[in-house]
Amino acid sequence: MTPHDPRGPRAAHEPHAAAHDPHTARGSPAAADRADATHGPHQAALPEELATLLAEIVPPGGAFRHREHIHLAYLAVRRHGADRAAGVVSGWIRHLAAYQRAPQKFNATVTRAWTEIVAHHMTAAPPVTDFASFADRYPALLDKRLLTRHYTSRTLASPAARTGWVEPDLAAFPWRGRCGS
């Protein structure tokens, strides 16, 4: 899904999804006006910092998938530190979900868990200078099924996990200690 395409989540799969150039429109006052006109008064434009990062992460006509989520978490940890990154990324992903008119897609536990995993790997080894090097060093982070080592799908799909933090129910994260159940 392109996080800034007003045509919605299916736009990335349509033949002409790249026709809208998000890099020239995103974050500008005109884009905000278009977003308000397209999505109604309750729909806000993306925050400037997020729009700038998306321009770096998502190529024109590209989609915002798992790798881009991990890249966003990586940038948040670099910019805001490991302690603040999970809250920052949660806010950003909520904005993206709302922007796409899909707030139900946001999962607080998944977002925080992935951000903590990224932060853990960033602090556990000598720093790298860019995301490509980080991804090369930790290719397992690009496997979106990694959380299934720590959580059952039932737990991740639960209302509690969607709205707040839920401890792993299969295997604890190494930086957190014992498993939650």
Protein backbone atom coordinates (compact mmCIF):
# COMPACT_ATOMS: atom_id res chain seq x y z
CA MET A 1 0.00 0.00 0.00
CA THR A 2 1.30 3.42 -0.74
CA PRO A 3 0.82 5.39 2.46
CA HIS A 4 0.09 8.63 0.68
CA ASP A 5 -2.02 7.55 -2.29
CA PRO A 6 -5.53 8.97 -1.80
CA ARG A 7 -6.97 6.16 -3.90
CA GLY A 8 -6.52 3.76 -0.97
CA PRO A 9 -4.82 0.47 -0.20
CA ARG A 10 -5.64 -1.20 -3.51
CA ALA A 11 -3.99 1.57 -5.53
CA ALA A 12 -0.56 -0.05 -5.34
CA HIS A 13 -1.98 -3.10 -7.11
CA GLU A 14 -3.69 -1.17 -9.88
CA PRO A 15 -1.95 -0.89 -13.25
CA HIS A 16 -1.56 2.90 -13.01
CA ALA A 17 -0.64 3.15 -9.33
CA ALA A 18 2.59 5.03 -10.16
CA ALA A 19 0.75 7.81 -11.99
CA HIS A 20 0.57 9.88 -8.79
CA ASP A 21 4.06 11.06 -7.82
CA PRO A 22 4.03 11.13 -4.00
CA HIS A 23 7.43 12.82 -3.78
CA THR A 24 6.21 16.04 -5.37
CA ALA A 25 2.88 16.30 -3.61
CA ARG A 26 3.38 14.89 -0.13
CA GLY A 27 3.82 17.32 2.72
CA SER A 28 3.02 20.47 0.75
CA PRO A 29 0.11 22.74 1.70
CA ALA A 30 -1.56 21.82 -1.58
CA ALA A 31 -1.28 18.13 -0.67
CA ALA A 32 -2.86 18.83 2.70
CA ASP A 33 -5.71 20.65 0.99
CA ARG A 34 -6.17 17.74 -1.42
CA ALA A 35 -6.11 15.28 1.48
CA ASP A 36 -8.77 17.27 3.32
CA ALA A 37 -10.90 17.52 0.19
CA THR A 38 -10.49 13.83 -0.61
CA HIS A 39 -10.87 12.36 2.86
CA GLY A 40 -13.14 14.86 4.61
CA PRO A 41 -12.61 17.19 7.55
CA HIS A 42 -11.58 14.46 10.00
CA GLN A 43 -8.73 13.36 7.74
CA ALA A 44 -5.45 15.17 8.40
CA ALA A 45 -2.36 15.40 6.23
CA LEU A 46 0.71 13.44 7.27
CA PRO A 47 3.06 15.11 9.74
CA GLU A 48 6.00 16.79 8.01
CA GLU A 49 8.68 14.56 9.57
CA LEU A 50 6.80 11.42 8.53
CA ALA A 51 6.19 12.71 5.01
CA THR A 52 9.90 13.50 4.65
CA LEU A 53 10.90 10.03 5.84
CA LEU A 54 8.42 8.35 3.53
CA ALA A 55 9.93 10.23 0.61
CA GLU A 56 13.26 8.63 1.58
CA ILE A 57 11.88 5.14 2.22
CA VAL A 58 9.23 4.58 -0.45
CA PRO A 59 10.23 4.95 -4.11
CA PRO A 60 7.81 6.76 -6.45
CA GLY A 61 4.86 4.47 -7.07
CA GLY A 62 6.22 2.07 -4.45
CA ALA A 63 4.37 0.37 -1.66
CA PHE A 64 4.74 0.60 2.12
CA ARG A 65 5.27 -2.99 3.14
CA HIS A 66 7.21 -4.81 5.84
CA ARG A 67 10.69 -3.69 4.71
CA GLU A 68 9.52 -0.06 4.74
CA HIS A 69 8.05 -0.51 8.23
CA ILE A 70 11.43 -1.81 9.44
CA HIS A 71 13.21 1.05 7.68
CA LEU A 72 10.88 3.53 9.39
CA ALA A 73 11.63 1.94 12.78
CA TYR A 74 15.37 2.11 12.01
CA LEU A 75 15.12 5.83 11.23
CA ALA A 76 13.02 6.46 14.34
CA VAL A 77 15.62 4.78 16.57
CA ARG A 78 18.40 6.81 14.92
CA ARG A 79 16.51 10.11 15.24
CA HIS A 80 14.71 9.66 18.56
CA GLY A 81 16.66 6.99 20.45
CA ALA A 82 15.66 3.50 21.48
CA ASP A 83 13.57 4.66 24.44
CA ARG A 84 11.31 7.00 22.44
CA ALA A 85 11.24 5.19 19.08
CA ALA A 86 8.31 2.83 19.80
CA GLY A 87 6.04 5.74 20.73
CA VAL A 88 7.14 7.76 17.71
CA VAL A 89 6.66 4.87 15.27
CA SER A 90 3.26 4.05 16.79
CA GLY A 91 2.16 7.63 16.17
CA TRP A 92 3.45 7.53 12.60
CA ILE A 93 1.79 4.21 11.77
CA ARG A 94 -1.49 5.43 13.27
CA HIS A 95 -1.26 8.50 11.02
CA LEU A 96 -0.62 6.29 7.99
CA ALA A 97 -3.52 3.99 8.84
CA ALA A 98 -5.86 6.95 9.33
CA TYR A 99 -4.57 8.59 6.15
CA GLN A 100 -5.47 5.42 4.28
CA ARG A 101 -8.85 5.30 6.02
CA ALA A 102 -7.86 2.01 7.61
CA PRO A 103 -7.31 2.74 11.32
CA GLN A 104 -8.34 -0.85 12.10
CA LYS A 105 -5.07 -2.03 10.55
CA PHE A 106 -3.00 -0.50 13.35
CA ASN A 107 -1.76 -3.01 15.92
CA ALA A 108 -0.04 -1.46 18.94
CA THR A 109 1.75 -4.64 20.00
CA VAL A 110 3.07 -5.45 16.53
CA THR A 111 4.33 -1.90 16.04
CA ARG A 112 6.05 -1.73 19.41
CA ALA A 113 7.50 -5.24 19.14
CA TRP A 114 9.07 -4.57 15.74
CA THR A 115 10.43 -1.22 16.87
CA GLU A 116 11.94 -2.80 19.97
CA ILE A 117 13.48 -5.60 17.89
CA VAL A 118 15.06 -3.05 15.56
CA ALA A 119 16.31 -0.96 18.50
CA HIS A 120 17.75 -4.06 20.17
CA HIS A 121 19.72 -4.97 17.06
CA MET A 122 20.89 -1.40 16.55
CA THR A 123 22.30 -1.22 20.08
CA ALA A 124 23.66 -4.79 20.26
CA ALA A 125 26.34 -4.32 17.60
CA PRO A 126 28.61 -1.63 16.23
CA PRO A 127 26.53 0.99 14.40
CA VAL A 128 26.05 0.91 10.66
CA THR A 129 25.82 4.02 8.52
CA ASP A 130 22.67 3.23 6.56
CA PHE A 131 19.59 1.05 6.47
CA ALA A 132 20.83 -1.15 3.60
CA SER A 133 23.86 -2.16 5.69
CA PHE A 134 21.62 -2.77 8.70
CA ALA A 135 19.26 -4.95 6.63
CA ASP A 136 22.23 -6.88 5.21
CA ARG A 137 23.54 -7.48 8.74
CA TYR A 138 20.14 -8.63 10.07
CA PRO A 139 18.20 -10.22 7.17
CA ALA A 140 15.90 -12.07 9.61
CA LEU A 141 14.29 -8.71 10.44
CA LEU A 142 12.93 -8.59 6.90
CA ASP A 143 10.91 -11.75 7.53
CA LYS A 144 7.54 -10.50 8.70
CA ARG A 145 6.86 -13.89 10.31
CA LEU A 146 9.60 -13.31 12.91
CA LEU A 147 7.06 -12.30 15.56
CA THR A 148 5.52 -15.79 15.38
CA ARG A 149 8.54 -17.00 17.37
CA HIS A 150 7.31 -14.85 20.25
CA TYR A 151 3.51 -14.63 19.82
CA THR A 152 0.66 -16.85 18.79
CA SER A 153 -1.44 -15.41 15.99
CA ARG A 154 -4.42 -15.44 18.37
CA THR A 155 -2.61 -13.15 20.80
CA LEU A 156 -1.52 -10.72 18.07
CA ALA A 157 -5.05 -10.58 16.67
CA SER A 158 -6.62 -9.92 20.07
CA PRO A 159 -8.27 -6.59 20.89
CA ALA A 160 -5.76 -6.12 23.72
CA ALA A 161 -2.81 -6.42 21.30
CA ARG A 162 -4.43 -4.14 18.75
CA THR A 163 -4.94 -1.35 21.28
CA GLY A 164 -2.03 -1.72 23.70
CA TRP A 165 1.10 -3.64 24.61
CA VAL A 166 0.82 -7.38 25.20
CA GLU A 167 3.83 -9.39 26.37
CA PRO A 168 4.92 -12.34 24.20
CA ASP A 169 3.08 -15.59 24.96
CA LEU A 170 5.52 -18.03 23.32
CA ALA A 171 9.06 -16.77 23.96
CA ALA A 172 10.19 -13.66 25.76
CA PHE A 173 12.26 -11.05 23.98
CA PRO A 174 15.86 -11.36 25.16
CA TRP A 175 15.95 -7.75 26.38
CA ARG A 176 12.73 -8.11 28.40
CA GLY A 177 13.20 -11.30 30.41
CA ARG A 178 10.50 -13.87 31.14
CA CYS A 179 7.59 -14.66 28.90
CA GLY A 180 4.28 -12.99 29.75
CA SER A 181 2.24 -16.15 30.25
